[in-house]
C-alpha atoms as a PDB file:
ATOM      1  CA  UNK A   1     -56.601  92.168  90.198  1.00  0.00           C
ATOM      2  CA  UNK A   2     -59.990  90.997  88.590  1.00  0.00           C
ATOM      3  CA  UNK A   3     -58.815  88.551  85.505  1.00  0.00           C
ATOM      4  CA  UNK A   4     -59.328  91.601  83.176  1.00  0.00           C
ATOM      5  CA  UNK A   5     -56.821  93.776  84.915  1.00  0.00           C
ATOM      6  CA  UNK A   6     -53.786  91.249  84.688  1.00  0.00           C
ATOM      7  CA  UNK A   7     -54.572  91.234  81.206  1.00  0.00           C
ATOM      8  CA  UNK A   8     -54.426  94.587  80.717  1.00  0.00           C
ATOM      9  CA  UNK A   9     -51.302  95.022  82.805  1.00  0.00           C
ATOM     10  CA  UNK A  10     -49.497  91.226  80.948  1.00  0.00           C
ATOM     11  CA  UNK A  11     -50.801  93.767  78.058  1.00  0.00           C
ATOM     12  CA  UNK A  12     -48.762  96.238  79.066  1.00  0.00           C
ATOM     13  CA  UNK A  13     -45.533  94.605  80.615  1.00  0.00           C
ATOM     14  CA  UNK A  14     -45.267  93.505  77.152  1.00  0.00           C
ATOM     15  CA  UNK A  15     -45.756  96.964  75.201  1.00  0.00           C
ATOM     16  CA  UNK A  16     -42.728  97.745  78.278  1.00  0.00           C
ATOM     17  CA  UNK A  17     -40.755  94.695  77.793  1.00  0.00           C
ATOM     18  CA  UNK A  18     -40.208  96.146  73.915  1.00  0.00           C
ATOM     19  CA  UNK A  19     -39.339  98.988  74.415  1.00  0.00           C
ATOM     20  CA  UNK A  20     -36.455  97.893  76.781  1.00  0.00           C
ATOM     21  CA  UNK A  21     -35.527  95.673  74.574  1.00  0.00           C
ATOM     22  CA  UNK A  22     -34.609  98.867  71.846  1.00  0.00           C
ATOM     23  CA  UNK A  23     -34.173 100.939  74.424  1.00  0.00           C
ATOM     24  CA  UNK A  24     -31.514  98.832  77.108  1.00  0.00           C
ATOM     25  CA  UNK A  25     -30.543 101.988  78.829  1.00  0.00           C
ATOM     26  CA  UNK A  26     -33.259 103.035  79.107  1.00  0.00           C
ATOM     27  CA  UNK A  27     -34.600 104.074  82.876  1.00  0.00           C
ATOM     28  CA  UNK A  28     -37.224 106.715  83.978  1.00  0.00           C
ATOM     29  CA  UNK A  29     -39.868 107.261  86.345  1.00  0.00           C
ATOM     30  CA  UNK A  30     -44.106 106.094  85.807  1.00  0.00           C
ATOM     31  CA  UNK A  31     -44.949 109.488  83.568  1.00  0.00           C
ATOM     32  CA  UNK A  32     -41.393 108.868  81.406  1.00  0.00           C
ATOM     33  CA  UNK A  33     -42.462 106.047  81.397  1.00  0.00           C
ATOM     34  CA  UNK A  34     -47.241 106.676  80.292  1.00  0.00           C
ATOM     35  CA  UNK A  35     -45.137 109.791  77.714  1.00  0.00           C
ATOM     36  CA  UNK A  36     -42.469 108.157  75.940  1.00  0.00           C
ATOM     37  CA  UNK A  37     -42.340 104.936  76.230  1.00  0.00           C
ATOM     38  CA  UNK A  38     -45.893 103.293  75.521  1.00  0.00           C
ATOM     39  CA  UNK A  39     -46.729 103.252  72.203  1.00  0.00           C
ATOM     40  CA  UNK A  40     -49.041 106.550  71.238  1.00  0.00           C
ATOM     41  CA  UNK A  41     -51.947 104.530  69.439  1.00  0.00           C
ATOM     42  CA  UNK A  42     -52.061 103.016  72.897  1.00  0.00           C
ATOM     43  CA  UNK A  43     -50.410 105.019  75.564  1.00  0.00           C
ATOM     44  CA  UNK A  44     -53.717 105.022  79.044  1.00  0.00           C
ATOM     45  CA  UNK A  45     -54.121 107.571  80.605  1.00  0.00           C
ATOM     46  CA  UNK A  46     -53.429 105.910  84.408  1.00  0.00           C
ATOM     47  CA  UNK A  47     -50.216 105.681  86.576  1.00  0.00           C
ATOM     48  CA  UNK A  48     -51.693 103.579  88.639  1.00  0.00           C
ATOM     49  CA  UNK A  49     -52.171 100.968  85.133  1.00  0.00           C
ATOM     50  CA  UNK A  50     -48.121 101.779  84.133  1.00  0.00           C
ATOM     51  CA  UNK A  51     -47.421 101.194  87.874  1.00  0.00           C
ATOM     52  CA  UNK A  52     -48.969  96.768  88.033  1.00  0.00           C
ATOM     53  CA  UNK A  53     -47.520  96.881  84.860  1.00  0.00           C
ATOM     54  CA  UNK A  54     -43.868  97.334  86.365  1.00  0.00           C
ATOM     55  CA  UNK A  55     -44.570  95.669  89.320  1.00  0.00           C
ATOM     56  CA  UNK A  56     -45.955  91.841  86.929  1.00  0.00           C
ATOM     57  CA  UNK A  57     -41.862  93.108  85.191  1.00  0.00           C
ATOM     58  CA  UNK A  58     -40.776  93.803  88.396  1.00  0.00           C
ATOM     59  CA  UNK A  59     -41.744  90.429  89.484  1.00  0.00           C
ATOM     60  CA  UNK A  60     -40.674  88.100  86.825  1.00  0.00           C
ATOM     61  CA  UNK A  61     -37.120  89.322  87.138  1.00  0.00           C
ATOM     62  CA  UNK A  62     -37.328  92.014  83.724  1.00  0.00           C
ATOM     63  CA  UNK A  63     -37.043  95.230  85.318  1.00  0.00           C
ATOM     64  CA  UNK A  64     -35.651  97.339  88.602  1.00  0.00           C
ATOM     65  CA  UNK A  65     -36.931  99.946  91.026  1.00  0.00           C
ATOM     66  CA  UNK A  66     -34.447 102.033  92.263  1.00  0.00           C
ATOM     67  CA  UNK A  67     -34.930 105.268  94.453  1.00  0.00           C
ATOM     68  CA  UNK A  68     -33.528 108.570  93.952  1.00  0.00           C
ATOM     69  CA  UNK A  69     -31.785 110.290  95.966  1.00  0.00           C
ATOM     70  CA  UNK A  70     -34.017 113.293  96.539  1.00  0.00           C
ATOM     71  CA  UNK A  71     -36.741 110.167  97.620  1.00  0.00           C
ATOM     72  CA  UNK A  72     -38.510 109.502  93.051  1.00  0.00           C
ATOM     73  CA  UNK A  73     -38.106 106.358  91.625  1.00  0.00           C
ATOM     74  CA  UNK A  74     -36.875 105.703  88.288  1.00  0.00           C
ATOM     75  CA  UNK A  75     -36.985 102.166  86.411  1.00  0.00           C
ATOM     76  CA  UNK A  76     -35.228 100.034  84.300  1.00  0.00           C
ATOM     77  CA  UNK A  77     -33.818  97.169  82.778  1.00  0.00           C
ATOM     78  CA  UNK A  78     -32.476  93.958  85.006  1.00  0.00           C
ATOM     79  CA  UNK A  79     -28.855  93.290  84.299  1.00  0.00           C
ATOM     80  CA  UNK A  80     -29.333  90.231  84.964  1.00  0.00           C
ATOM     81  CA  UNK A  81     -24.767  90.273  85.525  1.00  0.00           C
ATOM     82  CA  UNK A  82     -25.347  93.257  87.757  1.00  0.00           C
ATOM     83  CA  UNK A  83     -28.540  92.685  89.669  1.00  0.00           C
ATOM     84  CA  UNK A  84     -29.238  89.872  92.109  1.00  0.00           C
END
């Protein structure tokens, strides 16, 4: 990942983490995260950029990805007591 993309992903990951700190029970898919979790003035139009930021948060054990029965994915704040 180019250094510019890495910084952008980390910045976006910080925005998502701030949202989760304020809304600890939030859970949504990529489109919902793009629409609701990112401040409107900083919204981007690339789902792929949100996916990269979420992967960064998953790698850093902040967020968990859950598969639903219909095959779609949602992302939730990782609960250190129940997600090991």
